[in-house]
Amino acid sequence: MNYVIITYTFYLLVSIALTVWVAKVLFNNGRIFLVDIFHGNTPLADAVNRLLVVGFYLVNIGYISLVLKEYGAILDTRELLEILSRKLGRIILILGGMHFLNLIVFFKLRNRAQQVNGAE
């Protein structure tokens, strides 16, 4: 049995599926913040939201591709599961970190927009 091909295939399917899911959640829920930040300018908010999602995909799928290669031999199912656990755990931590980074940026932009509105 070729454990390397199985590992690569499963890793790519799961990590890309997780990336797509997180991007959709960020896209759908981030729109509300962006519309508020851009004072109801929905076309601008939607454009920025799409650009953020594209950047999110590029960074994450780029990283997924970079860490795909496994240098050691995968000799049995136990090793396969351990390698997948390490690789997918790393991807999940990065996706979570990027999610929180996006939230921090949205809240800072929103606070700045509210301060500008309060000063007017």
PDB file of N, CA and C in Angstrom:
ATOM      1  N   MET A   1       0.862  -1.182   0.000  1.00  0.00           N
ATOM      2  CA  MET A   1       0.000   0.000   0.000  1.00  0.00           C
ATOM      3  C   MET A   1       0.905   1.240   0.000  1.00  0.00           C
ATOM      4  N   ASN A   2       0.568   2.207  -0.834  1.00  0.00           N
ATOM      5  CA  ASN A   2       1.367   3.430  -0.921  1.00  0.00           C
ATOM      6  C   ASN A   2       0.826   4.469   0.062  1.00  0.00           C
ATOM      7  N   TYR A   3       1.384   4.466   1.267  1.00  0.00           N
ATOM      8  CA  TYR A   3       0.924   5.365   2.328  1.00  0.00           C
ATOM      9  C   TYR A   3       1.195   6.831   2.024  1.00  0.00           C
ATOM     10  N   VAL A   4       2.237   7.105   1.268  1.00  0.00           N
ATOM     11  CA  VAL A   4       2.571   8.498   0.954  1.00  0.00           C
ATOM     12  C   VAL A   4       1.458   9.129   0.124  1.00  0.00           C
ATOM     13  N   ILE A   5       1.005   8.435  -0.913  1.00  0.00           N
ATOM     14  CA  ILE A   5      -0.072   8.964  -1.772  1.00  0.00           C
ATOM     15  C   ILE A   5      -1.356   9.131  -0.980  1.00  0.00           C
ATOM     16  N   ILE A   6      -1.670   8.167  -0.127  1.00  0.00           N
ATOM     17  CA  ILE A   6      -2.873   8.268   0.711  1.00  0.00           C
ATOM     18  C   ILE A   6      -2.758   9.476   1.639  1.00  0.00           C
ATOM     19  N   THR A   7      -1.595   9.662   2.247  1.00  0.00           N
ATOM     20  CA  THR A   7      -1.378  10.794   3.158  1.00  0.00           C
ATOM     21  C   THR A   7      -1.534  12.114   2.421  1.00  0.00           C
ATOM     22  N   TYR A   8      -0.881  12.238   1.280  1.00  0.00           N
ATOM     23  CA  TYR A   8      -0.963  13.479   0.501  1.00  0.00           C
ATOM     24  C   TYR A   8      -2.404  13.772   0.085  1.00  0.00           C
ATOM     25  N   THR A   9      -3.080  12.765  -0.401  1.00  0.00           N
ATOM     26  CA  THR A   9      -4.456  12.956  -0.884  1.00  0.00           C
ATOM     27  C   THR A   9      -5.370  13.402   0.251  1.00  0.00           C
ATOM     28  N   PHE A  10      -5.324  12.685   1.360  1.00  0.00           N
ATOM     29  CA  PHE A  10      -6.193  13.025   2.485  1.00  0.00           C
ATOM     30  C   PHE A  10      -5.847  14.402   3.035  1.00  0.00           C
ATOM     31  N   TYR A  11      -4.558  14.684   3.167  1.00  0.00           N
ATOM     32  CA  TYR A  11      -4.111  15.981   3.661  1.00  0.00           C
ATOM     33  C   TYR A  11      -4.622  17.113   2.771  1.00  0.00           C
ATOM     34  N   LEU A  12      -4.464  16.983   1.473  1.00  0.00           N
ATOM     35  CA  LEU A  12      -4.921  18.035   0.559  1.00  0.00           C
ATOM     36  C   LEU A  12      -6.428  18.211   0.620  1.00  0.00           C
ATOM     37  N   LEU A  13      -7.175  17.118   0.605  1.00  0.00           N
ATOM     38  CA  LEU A  13      -8.640  17.213   0.641  1.00  0.00           C
ATOM     39  C   LEU A  13      -9.132  17.886   1.921  1.00  0.00           C
ATOM     40  N   VAL A  14      -8.628  17.451   3.055  1.00  0.00           N
ATOM     41  CA  VAL A  14      -9.112  17.989   4.325  1.00  0.00           C
ATOM     42  C   VAL A  14      -8.651  19.430   4.524  1.00  0.00           C
ATOM     43  N   SER A  15      -7.384  19.719   4.250  1.00  0.00           N
ATOM     44  CA  SER A  15      -6.882  21.074   4.502  1.00  0.00           C
ATOM     45  C   SER A  15      -7.506  22.101   3.557  1.00  0.00           C
ATOM     46  N   ILE A  16      -7.708  21.742   2.312  1.00  0.00           N
ATOM     47  CA  ILE A  16      -8.355  22.674   1.379  1.00  0.00           C
ATOM     48  C   ILE A  16      -9.830  22.842   1.739  1.00  0.00           C
ATOM     49  N   ALA A  17     -10.497  21.758   2.137  1.00  0.00           N
ATOM     50  CA  ALA A  17     -11.901  21.867   2.564  1.00  0.00           C
ATOM     51  C   ALA A  17     -12.015  22.778   3.791  1.00  0.00           C
ATOM     52  N   LEU A  18     -11.117  22.627   4.752  1.00  0.00           N
ATOM     53  CA  LEU A  18     -11.130  23.507   5.932  1.00  0.00           C
ATOM     54  C   LEU A  18     -10.884  24.964   5.546  1.00  0.00           C
ATOM     55  N   THR A  19      -9.952  25.193   4.631  1.00  0.00           N
ATOM     56  CA  THR A  19      -9.660  26.552   4.174  1.00  0.00           C
ATOM     57  C   THR A  19     -10.871  27.178   3.511  1.00  0.00           C
ATOM     58  N   VAL A  20     -11.540  26.429   2.667  1.00  0.00           N
ATOM     59  CA  VAL A  20     -12.739  26.938   1.979  1.00  0.00           C
ATOM     60  C   VAL A  20     -13.837  27.242   2.999  1.00  0.00           C
ATOM     61  N   TRP A  21     -14.031  26.351   3.954  1.00  0.00           N
ATOM     62  CA  TRP A  21     -15.075  26.562   4.961  1.00  0.00           C
ATOM     63  C   TRP A  21     -14.794  27.823   5.783  1.00  0.00           C
ATOM     64  N   VAL A  22     -13.556  27.972   6.278  1.00  0.00           N
ATOM     65  CA  VAL A  22     -13.216  29.150   7.079  1.00  0.00           C
ATOM     66  C   VAL A  22     -13.352  30.423   6.235  1.00  0.00           C
ATOM     67  N   ALA A  23     -12.924  30.371   4.987  1.00  0.00           N
ATOM     68  CA  ALA A  23     -13.039  31.548   4.110  1.00  0.00           C
ATOM     69  C   ALA A  23     -14.501  31.948   3.922  1.00  0.00           C
ATOM     70  N   LYS A  24     -15.382  30.963   3.756  1.00  0.00           N
ATOM     71  CA  LYS A  24     -16.812  31.273   3.592  1.00  0.00           C
ATOM     72  C   LYS A  24     -17.390  31.896   4.855  1.00  0.00           C
ATOM     73  N   VAL A  25     -17.000  31.367   6.008  1.00  0.00           N
ATOM     74  CA  VAL A  25     -17.482  31.936   7.276  1.00  0.00           C
ATOM     75  C   VAL A  25     -16.998  33.371   7.417  1.00  0.00           C
ATOM     76  N   LEU A  26     -15.703  33.594   7.152  1.00  0.00           N
ATOM     77  CA  LEU A  26     -15.157  34.947   7.244  1.00  0.00           C
ATOM     78  C   LEU A  26     -15.830  35.882   6.244  1.00  0.00           C
ATOM     79  N   PHE A  27     -16.043  35.407   5.016  1.00  0.00           N
ATOM     80  CA  PHE A  27     -16.654  36.227   3.980  1.00  0.00           C
ATOM     81  C   PHE A  27     -18.077  36.627   4.374  1.00  0.00           C
ATOM     82  N   ASN A  28     -18.872  35.660   4.792  1.00  0.00           N
ATOM     83  CA  ASN A  28     -20.274  35.942   5.116  1.00  0.00           C
ATOM     84  C   ASN A  28     -20.419  36.825   6.347  1.00  0.00           C
ATOM     85  N   ASN A  29     -19.628  36.573   7.376  1.00  0.00           N
ATOM     86  CA  ASN A  29     -19.777  37.324   8.617  1.00  0.00           C
ATOM     87  C   ASN A  29     -18.946  38.603   8.647  1.00  0.00           C
ATOM     88  N   GLY A  30     -17.872  38.657   7.883  1.00  0.00           N
ATOM     89  CA  GLY A  30     -17.049  39.858   7.832  1.00  0.00           C
ATOM     90  C   GLY A  30     -17.708  40.990   7.081  1.00  0.00           C
ATOM     91  N   ARG A  31     -18.621  40.663   6.201  1.00  0.00           N
ATOM     92  CA  ARG A  31     -19.306  41.682   5.391  1.00  0.00           C
ATOM     93  C   ARG A  31     -19.999  42.724   6.270  1.00  0.00           C
ATOM     94  N   ILE A  32     -20.620  42.278   7.331  1.00  0.00           N
ATOM     95  CA  ILE A  32     -21.342  43.190   8.229  1.00  0.00           C
ATOM     96  C   ILE A  32     -20.383  44.234   8.802  1.00  0.00           C
ATOM     97  N   PHE A  33     -19.208  43.797   9.247  1.00  0.00           N
ATOM     98  CA  PHE A  33     -18.221  44.724   9.783  1.00  0.00           C
ATOM     99  C   PHE A  33     -17.738  45.689   8.709  1.00  0.00           C
ATOM    100  N   LEU A  34     -17.487  45.165   7.514  1.00  0.00           N
ATOM    101  CA  LEU A  34     -16.962  46.018   6.451  1.00  0.00           C
ATOM    102  C   LEU A  34     -17.981  47.061   6.005  1.00  0.00           C
ATOM    103  N   VAL A  35     -19.244  46.685   5.932  1.00  0.00           N
ATOM    104  CA  VAL A  35     -20.282  47.664   5.570  1.00  0.00           C
ATOM    105  C   VAL A  35     -20.322  48.776   6.616  1.00  0.00           C
ATOM    106  N   ASP A  36     -20.199  48.396   7.886  1.00  0.00           N
ATOM    107  CA  ASP A  36     -20.181  49.389   8.955  1.00  0.00           C
ATOM    108  C   ASP A  36     -18.930  50.278   8.870  1.00  0.00           C
ATOM    109  N   ILE A  37     -17.785  49.658   8.643  1.00  0.00           N
ATOM    110  CA  ILE A  37     -16.522  50.398   8.544  1.00  0.00           C
ATOM    111  C   ILE A  37     -16.566  51.404   7.397  1.00  0.00           C
ATOM    112  N   PHE A  38     -17.169  50.987   6.278  1.00  0.00           N
ATOM    113  CA  PHE A  38     -17.223  51.856   5.101  1.00  0.00           C
ATOM    114  C   PHE A  38     -18.518  52.660   5.038  1.00  0.00           C
ATOM    115  N   HIS A  39     -19.124  52.896   6.199  1.00  0.00           N
ATOM    116  CA  HIS A  39     -20.286  53.791   6.341  1.00  0.00           C
ATOM    117  C   HIS A  39     -21.423  53.449   5.381  1.00  0.00           C
ATOM    118  N   GLY A  40     -21.728  52.168   5.258  1.00  0.00           N
ATOM    119  CA  GLY A  40     -22.848  51.742   4.427  1.00  0.00           C
ATOM    120  C   GLY A  40     -22.536  51.644   2.953  1.00  0.00           C
ATOM    121  N   ASN A  41     -21.298  51.880   2.559  1.00  0.00           N
ATOM    122  CA  ASN A  41     -20.904  51.758   1.151  1.00  0.00           C
ATOM    123  C   ASN A  41     -20.751  50.272   0.825  1.00  0.00           C
ATOM    124  N   THR A  42     -21.884  49.654   0.505  1.00  0.00           N
ATOM    125  CA  THR A  42     -21.930  48.210   0.287  1.00  0.00           C
ATOM    126  C   THR A  42     -21.039  47.740  -0.866  1.00  0.00           C
ATOM    127  N   PRO A  43     -21.032  48.431  -2.018  1.00  0.00           N
ATOM    128  CA  PRO A  43     -20.142  47.956  -3.090  1.00  0.00           C
ATOM    129  C   PRO A  43     -18.669  47.941  -2.682  1.00  0.00           C
ATOM    130  N   LEU A  44     -18.229  48.973  -1.952  1.00  0.00           N
ATOM    131  CA  LEU A  44     -16.843  49.000  -1.499  1.00  0.00           C
ATOM    132  C   LEU A  44     -16.585  47.889  -0.477  1.00  0.00           C
ATOM    133  N   ALA A  45     -17.498  47.711   0.456  1.00  0.00           N
ATOM    134  CA  ALA A  45     -17.354  46.656   1.467  1.00  0.00           C
ATOM    135  C   ALA A  45     -17.288  45.281   0.817  1.00  0.00           C
ATOM    136  N   ASP A  46     -18.140  45.039  -0.172  1.00  0.00           N
ATOM    137  CA  ASP A  46     -18.138  43.742  -0.860  1.00  0.00           C
ATOM    138  C   ASP A  46     -16.848  43.530  -1.643  1.00  0.00           C
ATOM    139  N   ALA A  47     -16.342  44.579  -2.265  1.00  0.00           N
ATOM    140  CA  ALA A  47     -15.089  44.465  -3.018  1.00  0.00           C
ATOM    141  C   ALA A  47     -13.921  44.148  -2.083  1.00  0.00           C
ATOM    142  N   VAL A  48     -13.844  44.850  -0.966  1.00  0.00           N
ATOM    143  CA  VAL A  48     -12.774  44.591   0.007  1.00  0.00           C
ATOM    144  C   VAL A  48     -12.918  43.184   0.579  1.00  0.00           C
ATOM    145  N   ASN A  49     -14.137  42.775   0.842  1.00  0.00           N
ATOM    146  CA  ASN A  49     -14.390  41.441   1.377  1.00  0.00           C
ATOM    147  C   ASN A  49     -13.900  40.362   0.400  1.00  0.00           C
ATOM    148  N   ARG A  50     -14.182  40.535  -0.874  1.00  0.00           N
ATOM    149  CA  ARG A  50     -13.712  39.564  -1.882  1.00  0.00           C
ATOM    150  C   ARG A  50     -12.191  39.551  -1.968  1.00  0.00           C
ATOM    151  N   LEU A  51     -11.570  40.730  -1.889  1.00  0.00           N
ATOM    152  CA  LEU A  51     -10.110  40.793  -1.919  1.00  0.00           C
ATOM    153  C   LEU A  51      -9.496  40.104  -0.700  1.00  0.00           C
ATOM    154  N   LEU A  52     -10.102  40.286   0.457  1.00  0.00           N
ATOM    155  CA  LEU A  52      -9.615  39.613   1.665  1.00  0.00           C
ATOM    156  C   LEU A  52      -9.704  38.096   1.530  1.00  0.00           C
ATOM    157  N   VAL A  53     -10.791  37.609   0.943  1.00  0.00           N
ATOM    158  CA  VAL A  53     -10.952  36.162   0.763  1.00  0.00           C
ATOM    159  C   VAL A  53      -9.915  35.620  -0.217  1.00  0.00           C
ATOM    160  N   VAL A  54      -9.666  36.343  -1.295  1.00  0.00           N
ATOM    161  CA  VAL A  54      -8.657  35.900  -2.259  1.00  0.00           C
ATOM    162  C   VAL A  54      -7.285  35.819  -1.579  1.00  0.00           C
ATOM    163  N   GLY A  55      -6.937  36.834  -0.807  1.00  0.00           N
ATOM    164  CA  GLY A  55      -5.676  36.816  -0.076  1.00  0.00           C
ATOM    165  C   GLY A  55      -5.612  35.663   0.914  1.00  0.00           C
ATOM    166  N   PHE A  56      -6.717  35.406   1.588  1.00  0.00           N
ATOM    167  CA  PHE A  56      -6.808  34.300   2.539  1.00  0.00           C
ATOM    168  C   PHE A  56      -6.543  32.971   1.835  1.00  0.00           C
ATOM    169  N   TYR A  57      -7.185  32.777   0.673  1.00  0.00           N
ATOM    170  CA  TYR A  57      -6.961  31.543  -0.100  1.00  0.00           C
ATOM    171  C   TYR A  57      -5.501  31.435  -0.543  1.00  0.00           C
ATOM    172  N   LEU A  58      -4.941  32.507  -1.035  1.00  0.00           N
ATOM    173  CA  LEU A  58      -3.561  32.465  -1.525  1.00  0.00           C
ATOM    174  C   LEU A  58      -2.587  32.096  -0.419  1.00  0.00           C
ATOM    175  N   VAL A  59      -2.720  32.727   0.722  1.00  0.00           N
ATOM    176  CA  VAL A  59      -1.808  32.450   1.836  1.00  0.00           C
ATOM    177  C   VAL A  59      -1.960  31.009   2.313  1.00  0.00           C
ATOM    178  N   ASN A  60      -3.184  30.579   2.527  1.00  0.00           N
ATOM    179  CA  ASN A  60      -3.393  29.253   3.095  1.00  0.00           C
ATOM    180  C   ASN A  60      -3.090  28.125   2.120  1.00  0.00           C
ATOM    181  N   ILE A  61      -3.543  28.247   0.897  1.00  0.00           N
ATOM    182  CA  ILE A  61      -3.268  27.184  -0.070  1.00  0.00           C
ATOM    183  C   ILE A  61      -1.784  27.173  -0.425  1.00  0.00           C
ATOM    184  N   GLY A  62      -1.151  28.331  -0.424  1.00  0.00           N
ATOM    185  CA  GLY A  62       0.297  28.377  -0.618  1.00  0.00           C
ATOM    186  C   GLY A  62       1.021  27.635   0.491  1.00  0.00           C
ATOM    187  N   TYR A  63       0.613  27.872   1.730  1.00  0.00           N
ATOM    188  CA  TYR A  63       1.248  27.183   2.851  1.00  0.00           C
ATOM    189  C   TYR A  63       0.965  25.681   2.796  1.00  0.00           C
ATOM    190  N   ILE A  64      -0.264  25.328   2.501  1.00  0.00           N
ATOM    191  CA  ILE A  64      -0.630  23.911   2.380  1.00  0.00           C
ATOM    192  C   ILE A  64       0.269  23.219   1.363  1.00  0.00           C
ATOM    193  N   SER A  65       0.512  23.879   0.262  1.00  0.00           N
ATOM    194  CA  SER A  65       1.373  23.318  -0.783  1.00  0.00           C
ATOM    195  C   SER A  65       2.826  23.207  -0.326  1.00  0.00           C
ATOM    196  N   LEU A  66       3.306  24.217   0.393  1.00  0.00           N
ATOM    197  CA  LEU A  66       4.698  24.210   0.849  1.00  0.00           C
ATOM    198  C   LEU A  66       5.006  23.069   1.811  1.00  0.00           C
ATOM    199  N   VAL A  67       4.067  22.745   2.666  1.00  0.00           N
ATOM    200  CA  VAL A  67       4.334  21.709   3.670  1.00  0.00           C
ATOM    201  C   VAL A  67       3.802  20.342   3.261  1.00  0.00           C
ATOM    202  N   LEU A  68       3.429  20.169   2.029  1.00  0.00           N
ATOM    203  CA  LEU A  68       2.897  18.885   1.557  1.00  0.00           C
ATOM    204  C   LEU A  68       3.930  17.772   1.652  1.00  0.00           C
ATOM    205  N   LYS A  69       5.134  18.032   1.209  1.00  0.00           N
ATOM    206  CA  LYS A  69       6.161  16.992   1.109  1.00  0.00           C
ATOM    207  C   LYS A  69       6.471  16.384   2.468  1.00  0.00           C
ATOM    208  N   GLU A  70       6.518  15.077   2.491  1.00  0.00           N
ATOM    209  CA  GLU A  70       6.930  14.336   3.675  1.00  0.00           C
ATOM    210  C   GLU A  70       8.243  13.658   3.341  1.00  0.00           C
ATOM    211  N   TYR A  71       9.278  13.954   4.102  1.00  0.00           N
ATOM    212  CA  TYR A  71      10.620  13.496   3.763  1.00  0.00           C
ATOM    213  C   TYR A  71      10.921  12.077   4.227  1.00  0.00           C
ATOM    214  N   GLY A  72      10.284  11.630   5.269  1.00  0.00           N
ATOM    215  CA  GLY A  72      10.527  10.273   5.751  1.00  0.00           C
ATOM    216  C   GLY A  72       9.582   9.288   5.102  1.00  0.00           C
ATOM    217  N   ALA A  73       9.925   8.035   5.242  1.00  0.00           N
ATOM    218  CA  ALA A  73       9.047   6.977   4.725  1.00  0.00           C
ATOM    219  C   ALA A  73       7.843   6.832   5.647  1.00  0.00           C
ATOM    220  N   ILE A  74       6.713   6.519   5.064  1.00  0.00           N
ATOM    221  CA  ILE A  74       5.500   6.246   5.835  1.00  0.00           C
ATOM    222  C   ILE A  74       5.264   4.749   5.707  1.00  0.00           C
ATOM    223  N   LEU A  75       5.544   4.031   6.781  1.00  0.00           N
ATOM    224  CA  LEU A  75       5.593   2.576   6.700  1.00  0.00           C
ATOM    225  C   LEU A  75       4.307   1.872   7.128  1.00  0.00           C
ATOM    226  N   ASP A  76       3.486   2.538   7.926  1.00  0.00           N
ATOM    227  CA  ASP A  76       2.267   1.867   8.370  1.00  0.00           C
ATOM    228  C   ASP A  76       1.166   2.889   8.649  1.00  0.00           C
ATOM    229  N   THR A  77      -0.005   2.383   8.989  1.00  0.00           N
ATOM    230  CA  THR A  77      -1.172   3.231   9.225  1.00  0.00           C
ATOM    231  C   THR A  77      -0.961   4.164  10.412  1.00  0.00           C
ATOM    232  N   ARG A  78      -0.286   3.684  11.448  1.00  0.00           N
ATOM    233  CA  ARG A  78      -0.030   4.524  12.616  1.00  0.00           C
ATOM    234  C   ARG A  78       0.784   5.758  12.224  1.00  0.00           C
ATOM    235  N   GLU A  79       1.835   5.565  11.459  1.00  0.00           N
ATOM    236  CA  GLU A  79       2.649   6.701  11.005  1.00  0.00           C
ATOM    237  C   GLU A  79       1.837   7.635  10.116  1.00  0.00           C
ATOM    238  N   LEU A  80       1.023   7.066   9.253  1.00  0.00           N
ATOM    239  CA  LEU A  80       0.165   7.871   8.379  1.00  0.00           C
ATOM    240  C   LEU A  80      -0.721   8.786   9.209  1.00  0.00           C
ATOM    241  N   LEU A  81      -1.371   8.225  10.222  1.00  0.00           N
ATOM    242  CA  LEU A  81      -2.264   9.021  11.066  1.00  0.00           C
ATOM    243  C   LEU A  81      -1.509  10.076  11.870  1.00  0.00           C
ATOM    244  N   GLU A  82      -0.318   9.744  12.349  1.00  0.00           N
ATOM    245  CA  GLU A  82       0.473  10.713  13.104  1.00  0.00           C
ATOM    246  C   GLU A  82       0.924  11.881  12.223  1.00  0.00           C
ATOM    247  N   ILE A  83       1.340  11.573  11.004  1.00  0.00           N
ATOM    248  CA  ILE A  83       1.770  12.624  10.076  1.00  0.00           C
ATOM    249  C   ILE A  83       0.583  13.500   9.688  1.00  0.00           C
ATOM    250  N   LEU A  84      -0.554  12.863   9.391  1.00  0.00           N
ATOM    251  CA  LEU A  84      -1.754  13.649   9.062  1.00  0.00           C
ATOM    252  C   LEU A  84      -2.162  14.524  10.233  1.00  0.00           C
ATOM    253  N   SER A  85      -2.090  13.979  11.442  1.00  0.00           N
ATOM    254  CA  SER A  85      -2.453  14.748  12.628  1.00  0.00           C
ATOM    255  C   SER A  85      -1.566  15.978  12.773  1.00  0.00           C
ATOM    256  N   ARG A  86      -0.274  15.799  12.578  1.00  0.00           N
ATOM    257  CA  ARG A  86       0.669  16.925  12.696  1.00  0.00           C
ATOM    258  C   ARG A  86       0.415  17.965  11.613  1.00  0.00           C
ATOM    259  N   LYS A  87       0.270  17.506  10.375  1.00  0.00           N
ATOM    260  CA  LYS A  87       0.070  18.431   9.250  1.00  0.00           C
ATOM    261  C   LYS A  87      -1.269  19.161   9.370  1.00  0.00           C
ATOM    262  N   LEU A  88      -2.334  18.434   9.644  1.00  0.00           N
ATOM    263  CA  LEU A  88      -3.654  19.060   9.740  1.00  0.00           C
ATOM    264  C   LEU A  88      -3.748  19.941  10.986  1.00  0.00           C
ATOM    265  N   GLY A  89      -3.125  19.524  12.076  1.00  0.00           N
ATOM    266  CA  GLY A  89      -3.111  20.356  13.282  1.00  0.00           C
ATOM    267  C   GLY A  89      -2.459  21.696  13.017  1.00  0.00           C
ATOM    268  N   ARG A  90      -1.363  21.673  12.274  1.00  0.00           N
ATOM    269  CA  ARG A  90      -0.670  22.911  11.925  1.00  0.00           C
ATOM    270  C   ARG A  90      -1.580  23.810  11.079  1.00  0.00           C
ATOM    271  N   ILE A  91      -2.250  23.221  10.100  1.00  0.00           N
ATOM    272  CA  ILE A  91      -3.162  23.999   9.238  1.00  0.00           C
ATOM    273  C   ILE A  91      -4.305  24.585  10.063  1.00  0.00           C
ATOM    274  N   ILE A  92      -4.870  23.791  10.951  1.00  0.00           N
ATOM    275  CA  ILE A  92      -5.986  24.271  11.776  1.00  0.00           C
ATOM    276  C   ILE A  92      -5.537  25.430  12.670  1.00  0.00           C
ATOM    277  N   LEU A  93      -4.348  25.318  13.261  1.00  0.00           N
ATOM    278  CA  LEU A  93      -3.831  26.419  14.081  1.00  0.00           C
ATOM    279  C   LEU A  93      -3.620  27.685  13.256  1.00  0.00           C
ATOM    280  N   ILE A  94      -3.100  27.537  12.049  1.00  0.00           N
ATOM    281  CA  ILE A  94      -2.892  28.698  11.172  1.00  0.00           C
ATOM    282  C   ILE A  94      -4.226  29.315  10.771  1.00  0.00           C
ATOM    283  N   LEU A  95      -5.200  28.492  10.410  1.00  0.00           N
ATOM    284  CA  LEU A  95      -6.522  29.013  10.054  1.00  0.00           C
ATOM    285  C   LEU A  95      -7.151  29.741  11.238  1.00  0.00           C
ATOM    286  N   GLY A  96      -7.032  29.163  12.434  1.00  0.00           N
ATOM    287  CA  GLY A  96      -7.556  29.821  13.633  1.00  0.00           C
ATOM    288  C   GLY A  96      -6.848  31.139  13.894  1.00  0.00           C
ATOM    289  N   GLY A  97      -5.526  31.145  13.743  1.00  0.00           N
ATOM    290  CA  GLY A  97      -4.763  32.374  13.928  1.00  0.00           C
ATOM    291  C   GLY A  97      -5.160  33.447  12.932  1.00  0.00           C
ATOM    292  N   MET A  98      -5.332  33.052  11.679  1.00  0.00           N
ATOM    293  CA  MET A  98      -5.742  34.034  10.659  1.00  0.00           C
ATOM    294  C   MET A  98      -7.156  34.537  10.936  1.00  0.00           C
ATOM    295  N   HIS A  99      -8.001  33.659  11.440  1.00  0.00           N
ATOM    296  CA  HIS A  99      -9.367  34.071  11.790  1.00  0.00           C
ATOM    297  C   HIS A  99      -9.321  35.154  12.873  1.00  0.00           C
ATOM    298  N   PHE A 100      -8.541  34.922  13.923  1.00  0.00           N
ATOM    299  CA  PHE A 100      -8.442  35.916  14.993  1.00  0.00           C
ATOM    300  C   PHE A 100      -7.756  37.190  14.517  1.00  0.00           C
ATOM    301  N   LEU A 101      -6.784  37.058  13.648  1.00  0.00           N
ATOM    302  CA  LEU A 101      -6.134  38.235  13.074  1.00  0.00           C
ATOM    303  C   LEU A 101      -7.148  39.070  12.294  1.00  0.00           C
ATOM    304  N   ASN A 102      -7.983  38.412  11.495  1.00  0.00           N
ATOM    305  CA  ASN A 102      -9.037  39.123  10.763  1.00  0.00           C
ATOM    306  C   ASN A 102      -9.993  39.826  11.721  1.00  0.00           C
ATOM    307  N   LEU A 103     -10.374  39.137  12.799  1.00  0.00           N
ATOM    308  CA  LEU A 103     -11.277  39.760  13.770  1.00  0.00           C
ATOM    309  C   LEU A 103     -10.642  40.995  14.402  1.00  0.00           C
ATOM    310  N   ILE A 104      -9.378  40.897  14.745  1.00  0.00           N
ATOM    311  CA  ILE A 104      -8.680  42.046  15.338  1.00  0.00           C
ATOM    312  C   ILE A 104      -8.653  43.213  14.357  1.00  0.00           C
ATOM    313  N   VAL A 105      -8.330  42.934  13.107  1.00  0.00           N
ATOM    314  CA  VAL A 105      -8.293  43.993  12.093  1.00  0.00           C
ATOM    315  C   VAL A 105      -9.674  44.607  11.919  1.00  0.00           C
ATOM    316  N   PHE A 106     -10.720  43.771  11.827  1.00  0.00           N
ATOM    317  CA  PHE A 106     -12.082  44.296  11.664  1.00  0.00           C
ATOM    318  C   PHE A 106     -12.468  45.185  12.838  1.00  0.00           C
ATOM    319  N   PHE A 107     -12.192  44.740  14.068  1.00  0.00           N
ATOM    320  CA  PHE A 107     -12.567  45.532  15.232  1.00  0.00           C
ATOM    321  C   PHE A 107     -11.781  46.840  15.299  1.00  0.00           C
ATOM    322  N   LYS A 108     -10.505  46.798  14.956  1.00  0.00           N
ATOM    323  CA  LYS A 108      -9.722  48.041  14.964  1.00  0.00           C
ATOM    324  C   LYS A 108     -10.233  49.015  13.909  1.00  0.00           C
ATOM    325  N   LEU A 109     -10.532  48.488  12.721  1.00  0.00           N
ATOM    326  CA  LEU A 109     -11.078  49.360  11.673  1.00  0.00           C
ATOM    327  C   LEU A 109     -12.436  49.915  12.078  1.00  0.00           C
ATOM    328  N   ARG A 110     -13.247  49.081  12.700  1.00  0.00           N
ATOM    329  CA  ARG A 110     -14.577  49.520  13.131  1.00  0.00           C
ATOM    330  C   ARG A 110     -14.458  50.592  14.212  1.00  0.00           C
ATOM    331  N   ASN A 111     -13.559  50.390  15.172  1.00  0.00           N
ATOM    332  CA  ASN A 111     -13.358  51.394  16.226  1.00  0.00           C
ATOM    333  C   ASN A 111     -12.863  52.706  15.637  1.00  0.00           C
ATOM    334  N   ARG A 112     -11.951  52.625  14.691  1.00  0.00           N
ATOM    335  CA  ARG A 112     -11.441  53.825  14.044  1.00  0.00           C
ATOM    336  C   ARG A 112     -12.561  54.548  13.293  1.00  0.00           C
ATOM    337  N   ALA A 113     -13.401  53.780  12.597  1.00  0.00           N
ATOM    338  CA  ALA A 113     -14.513  54.393  11.859  1.00  0.00           C
ATOM    339  C   ALA A 113     -15.494  55.054  12.819  1.00  0.00           C
ATOM    340  N   GLN A 114     -15.740  54.411  13.978  1.00  0.00           N
ATOM    341  CA  GLN A 114     -16.655  55.007  14.960  1.00  0.00           C
ATOM    342  C   GLN A 114     -16.068  56.276  15.572  1.00  0.00           C
ATOM    343  N   GLN A 115     -14.761  56.310  15.779  1.00  0.00           N
ATOM    344  CA  GLN A 115     -14.103  57.517  16.312  1.00  0.00           C
ATOM    345  C   GLN A 115     -14.206  58.654  15.316  1.00  0.00           C
ATOM    346  N   VAL A 116     -14.030  58.350  14.028  1.00  0.00           N
ATOM    347  CA  VAL A 116     -14.135  59.380  12.976  1.00  0.00           C
ATOM    348  C   VAL A 116     -15.564  59.896  12.923  1.00  0.00           C
ATOM    349  N   ASN A 117     -16.543  58.999  13.011  1.00  0.00           N
ATOM    350  CA  ASN A 117     -17.959  59.426  13.012  1.00  0.00           C
ATOM    351  C   ASN A 117     -18.291  60.277  14.239  1.00  0.00           C
ATOM    352  N   GLY A 118     -17.711  59.927  15.386  1.00  0.00           N
ATOM    353  CA  GLY A 118     -17.959  60.697  16.608  1.00  0.00           C
ATOM    354  C   GLY A 118     -17.331  62.074  16.554  1.00  0.00           C
ATOM    355  N   ALA A 119     -16.243  62.206  15.801  1.00  0.00           N
ATOM    356  CA  ALA A 119     -15.563  63.498  15.701  1.00  0.00           C
ATOM    357  C   ALA A 119     -16.262  64.437  14.732  1.00  0.00           C
ATOM    358  N   GLU A 120     -17.082  63.889  13.864  1.00  0.00           N
ATOM    359  CA  GLU A 120     -17.755  64.735  12.846  1.00  0.00           C
ATOM    360  C   GLU A 120     -18.916  65.484  13.382  1.00  0.00           C
TER     361      GLU A 120
END
